[in-house]
Amino acid sequence: MKTGDNKSRETLSGIWIRIYSGTDLVYESATPEKLTTTEKW
């Protein structure tokens, strides 16, 4: 089943990993790096 208009779709490629120990962020990595500035977590 298709929904929405193909013209309005966007594609995002990459991976953003965050590793926490409790509430402390211990590791963060994104590829491509611009994901961290263009996308909200």
PDB file of N, CA and C in Angstrom:
ATOM      1  N   MET A   1       0.834  -1.178   0.000  1.00  0.00           N
ATOM      2  CA  MET A   1       0.000   0.000   0.000  1.00  0.00           C
ATOM      3  C   MET A   1       0.875   1.236   0.000  1.00  0.00           C
ATOM      4  N   LYS A   2       0.609   2.158  -0.909  1.00  0.00           N
ATOM      5  CA  LYS A   2       1.355   3.403  -0.972  1.00  0.00           C
ATOM      6  C   LYS A   2       0.543   4.504  -0.308  1.00  0.00           C
ATOM      7  N   THR A   3       1.253   5.387   0.384  1.00  0.00           N
ATOM      8  CA  THR A   3       0.587   6.532   0.995  1.00  0.00           C
ATOM      9  C   THR A   3       1.355   7.788   0.638  1.00  0.00           C
ATOM     10  N   GLY A   4       0.670   8.886   0.539  1.00  0.00           N
ATOM     11  CA  GLY A   4       1.330  10.160   0.275  1.00  0.00           C
ATOM     12  C   GLY A   4       1.724  10.327  -1.175  1.00  0.00           C
ATOM     13  N   ASP A   5       2.240  11.488  -1.475  1.00  0.00           N
ATOM     14  CA  ASP A   5       2.676  11.850  -2.815  1.00  0.00           C
ATOM     15  C   ASP A   5       4.176  11.633  -2.917  1.00  0.00           C
ATOM     16  N   ASN A   6       4.632  10.930  -3.938  1.00  0.00           N
ATOM     17  CA  ASN A   6       6.062  10.663  -4.111  1.00  0.00           C
ATOM     18  C   ASN A   6       6.886  11.943  -4.135  1.00  0.00           C
ATOM     19  N   LYS A   7       6.335  13.039  -4.633  1.00  0.00           N
ATOM     20  CA  LYS A   7       7.068  14.300  -4.712  1.00  0.00           C
ATOM     21  C   LYS A   7       7.396  14.849  -3.328  1.00  0.00           C
ATOM     22  N   SER A   8       6.625  14.478  -2.321  1.00  0.00           N
ATOM     23  CA  SER A   8       6.832  15.023  -0.983  1.00  0.00           C
ATOM     24  C   SER A   8       7.744  14.156  -0.117  1.00  0.00           C
ATOM     25  N   ARG A   9       8.166  13.011  -0.604  1.00  0.00           N
ATOM     26  CA  ARG A   9       9.007  12.111   0.183  1.00  0.00           C
ATOM     27  C   ARG A   9      10.453  12.558   0.171  1.00  0.00           C
ATOM     28  N   GLU A  10      11.131  12.312   1.265  1.00  0.00           N
ATOM     29  CA  GLU A  10      12.552  12.587   1.380  1.00  0.00           C
ATOM     30  C   GLU A  10      13.259  11.308   1.794  1.00  0.00           C
ATOM     31  N   THR A  11      14.522  11.200   1.426  1.00  0.00           N
ATOM     32  CA  THR A  11      15.309  10.034   1.797  1.00  0.00           C
ATOM     33  C   THR A  11      16.473  10.482   2.659  1.00  0.00           C
ATOM     34  N   LEU A  12      16.672   9.807   3.744  1.00  0.00           N
ATOM     35  CA  LEU A  12      17.785  10.076   4.651  1.00  0.00           C
ATOM     36  C   LEU A  12      18.617   8.813   4.743  1.00  0.00           C
ATOM     37  N   SER A  13      19.892   8.941   4.436  1.00  0.00           N
ATOM     38  CA  SER A  13      20.783   7.785   4.500  1.00  0.00           C
ATOM     39  C   SER A  13      21.884   8.044   5.505  1.00  0.00           C
ATOM     40  N   GLY A  14      22.144   7.084   6.344  1.00  0.00           N
ATOM     41  CA  GLY A  14      23.211   7.204   7.322  1.00  0.00           C
ATOM     42  C   GLY A  14      22.856   6.468   8.594  1.00  0.00           C
ATOM     43  N   ILE A  15      23.728   6.626   9.583  1.00  0.00           N
ATOM     44  CA  ILE A  15      23.505   5.992  10.884  1.00  0.00           C
ATOM     45  C   ILE A  15      24.024   6.927  11.970  1.00  0.00           C
ATOM     46  N   TRP A  16      23.296   6.985  13.066  1.00  0.00           N
ATOM     47  CA  TRP A  16      23.682   7.818  14.203  1.00  0.00           C
ATOM     48  C   TRP A  16      23.546   6.940  15.441  1.00  0.00           C
ATOM     49  N   ILE A  17      24.665   6.713  16.116  1.00  0.00           N
ATOM     50  CA  ILE A  17      24.687   5.821  17.279  1.00  0.00           C
ATOM     51  C   ILE A  17      25.033   6.618  18.527  1.00  0.00           C
ATOM     52  N   ARG A  18      24.260   6.407  19.563  1.00  0.00           N
ATOM     53  CA  ARG A  18      24.558   6.970  20.885  1.00  0.00           C
ATOM     54  C   ARG A  18      24.527   5.825  21.883  1.00  0.00           C
ATOM     55  N   ILE A  19      25.563   5.755  22.724  1.00  0.00           N
ATOM     56  CA  ILE A  19      25.627   4.727  23.760  1.00  0.00           C
ATOM     57  C   ILE A  19      25.657   5.425  25.118  1.00  0.00           C
ATOM     58  N   TYR A  20      24.754   5.016  25.971  1.00  0.00           N
ATOM     59  CA  TYR A  20      24.633   5.602  27.300  1.00  0.00           C
ATOM     60  C   TYR A  20      24.985   4.576  28.369  1.00  0.00           C
ATOM     61  N   SER A  21      25.555   5.069  29.470  1.00  0.00           N
ATOM     62  CA  SER A  21      25.708   4.301  30.689  1.00  0.00           C
ATOM     63  C   SER A  21      24.840   5.016  31.710  1.00  0.00           C
ATOM     64  N   GLY A  22      23.660   4.471  31.941  1.00  0.00           N
ATOM     65  CA  GLY A  22      22.691   5.183  32.770  1.00  0.00           C
ATOM     66  C   GLY A  22      22.224   6.416  31.999  1.00  0.00           C
ATOM     67  N   THR A  23      22.447   7.594  32.560  1.00  0.00           N
ATOM     68  CA  THR A  23      22.079   8.830  31.866  1.00  0.00           C
ATOM     69  C   THR A  23      23.277   9.519  31.224  1.00  0.00           C
ATOM     70  N   ASP A  24      24.477   8.940  31.376  1.00  0.00           N
ATOM     71  CA  ASP A  24      25.695   9.533  30.815  1.00  0.00           C
ATOM     72  C   ASP A  24      25.944   9.038  29.399  1.00  0.00           C
ATOM     73  N   LEU A  25      26.114   9.966  28.450  1.00  0.00           N
ATOM     74  CA  LEU A  25      26.474   9.632  27.088  1.00  0.00           C
ATOM     75  C   LEU A  25      27.954   9.267  27.069  1.00  0.00           C
ATOM     76  N   VAL A  26      28.277   8.028  26.684  1.00  0.00           N
ATOM     77  CA  VAL A  26      29.671   7.577  26.694  1.00  0.00           C
ATOM     78  C   VAL A  26      30.265   7.472  25.296  1.00  0.00           C
ATOM     79  N   TYR A  27      29.407   7.410  24.253  1.00  0.00           N
ATOM     80  CA  TYR A  27      29.914   7.318  22.891  1.00  0.00           C
ATOM     81  C   TYR A  27      28.850   7.826  21.932  1.00  0.00           C
ATOM     82  N   GLU A  28      29.296   8.594  20.935  1.00  0.00           N
ATOM     83  CA  GLU A  28      28.385   9.064  19.899  1.00  0.00           C
ATOM     84  C   GLU A  28      29.136   9.090  18.570  1.00  0.00           C
ATOM     85  N   SER A  29      28.487   8.570  17.534  1.00  0.00           N
ATOM     86  CA  SER A  29      29.091   8.552  16.208  1.00  0.00           C
ATOM     87  C   SER A  29      27.982   8.680  15.177  1.00  0.00           C
ATOM     88  N   ALA A  30      28.260   9.440  14.107  1.00  0.00           N
ATOM     89  CA  ALA A  30      27.299   9.590  13.024  1.00  0.00           C
ATOM     90  C   ALA A  30      28.032   9.528  11.695  1.00  0.00           C
ATOM     91  N   THR A  31      27.412   8.869  10.724  1.00  0.00           N
ATOM     92  CA  THR A  31      27.941   8.811   9.372  1.00  0.00           C
ATOM     93  C   THR A  31      26.785   9.038   8.406  1.00  0.00           C
ATOM     94  N   PRO A  32      26.780  10.057   7.603  1.00  0.00           N
ATOM     95  CA  PRO A  32      27.757  11.134   7.546  1.00  0.00           C
ATOM     96  C   PRO A  32      27.645  12.038   8.768  1.00  0.00           C
ATOM     97  N   GLU A  33      28.735  12.719   9.096  1.00  0.00           N
ATOM     98  CA  GLU A  33      28.785  13.536  10.303  1.00  0.00           C
ATOM     99  C   GLU A  33      27.755  14.656  10.308  1.00  0.00           C
ATOM    100  N   LYS A  34      27.316  15.121   9.157  1.00  0.00           N
ATOM    101  CA  LYS A  34      26.365  16.219   9.113  1.00  0.00           C
ATOM    102  C   LYS A  34      25.000  15.841   9.676  1.00  0.00           C
ATOM    103  N   LEU A  35      24.753  14.550   9.902  1.00  0.00           N
ATOM    104  CA  LEU A  35      23.497  14.131  10.535  1.00  0.00           C
ATOM    105  C   LEU A  35      23.309  14.809  11.883  1.00  0.00           C
ATOM    106  N   THR A  36      24.404  14.991  12.625  1.00  0.00           N
ATOM    107  CA  THR A  36      24.300  15.565  13.969  1.00  0.00           C
ATOM    108  C   THR A  36      23.904  17.028  13.932  1.00  0.00           C
ATOM    109  N   THR A  37      24.105  17.705  12.814  1.00  0.00           N
ATOM    110  CA  THR A  37      23.749  19.126  12.734  1.00  0.00           C
ATOM    111  C   THR A  37      22.455  19.359  11.956  1.00  0.00           C
ATOM    112  N   THR A  38      22.034  18.383  11.156  1.00  0.00           N
ATOM    113  CA  THR A  38      20.835  18.589  10.345  1.00  0.00           C
ATOM    114  C   THR A  38      19.619  17.859  10.857  1.00  0.00           C
ATOM    115  N   GLU A  39      19.780  16.875  11.728  1.00  0.00           N
ATOM    116  CA  GLU A  39      18.667  16.076  12.227  1.00  0.00           C
ATOM    117  C   GLU A  39      18.557  16.205  13.737  1.00  0.00           C
ATOM    118  N   LYS A  40      17.304  16.060  14.232  1.00  0.00           N
ATOM    119  CA  LYS A  40      17.074  16.062  15.677  1.00  0.00           C
ATOM    120  C   LYS A  40      17.059  14.634  16.160  1.00  0.00           C
ATOM    121  N   TRP A  41      17.632  14.400  17.322  1.00  0.00           N
ATOM    122  CA  TRP A  41      17.653  13.065  17.915  1.00  0.00           C
ATOM    123  C   TRP A  41      16.343  12.786  18.571  1.00  0.00           C
TER     124      TRP A  41
END
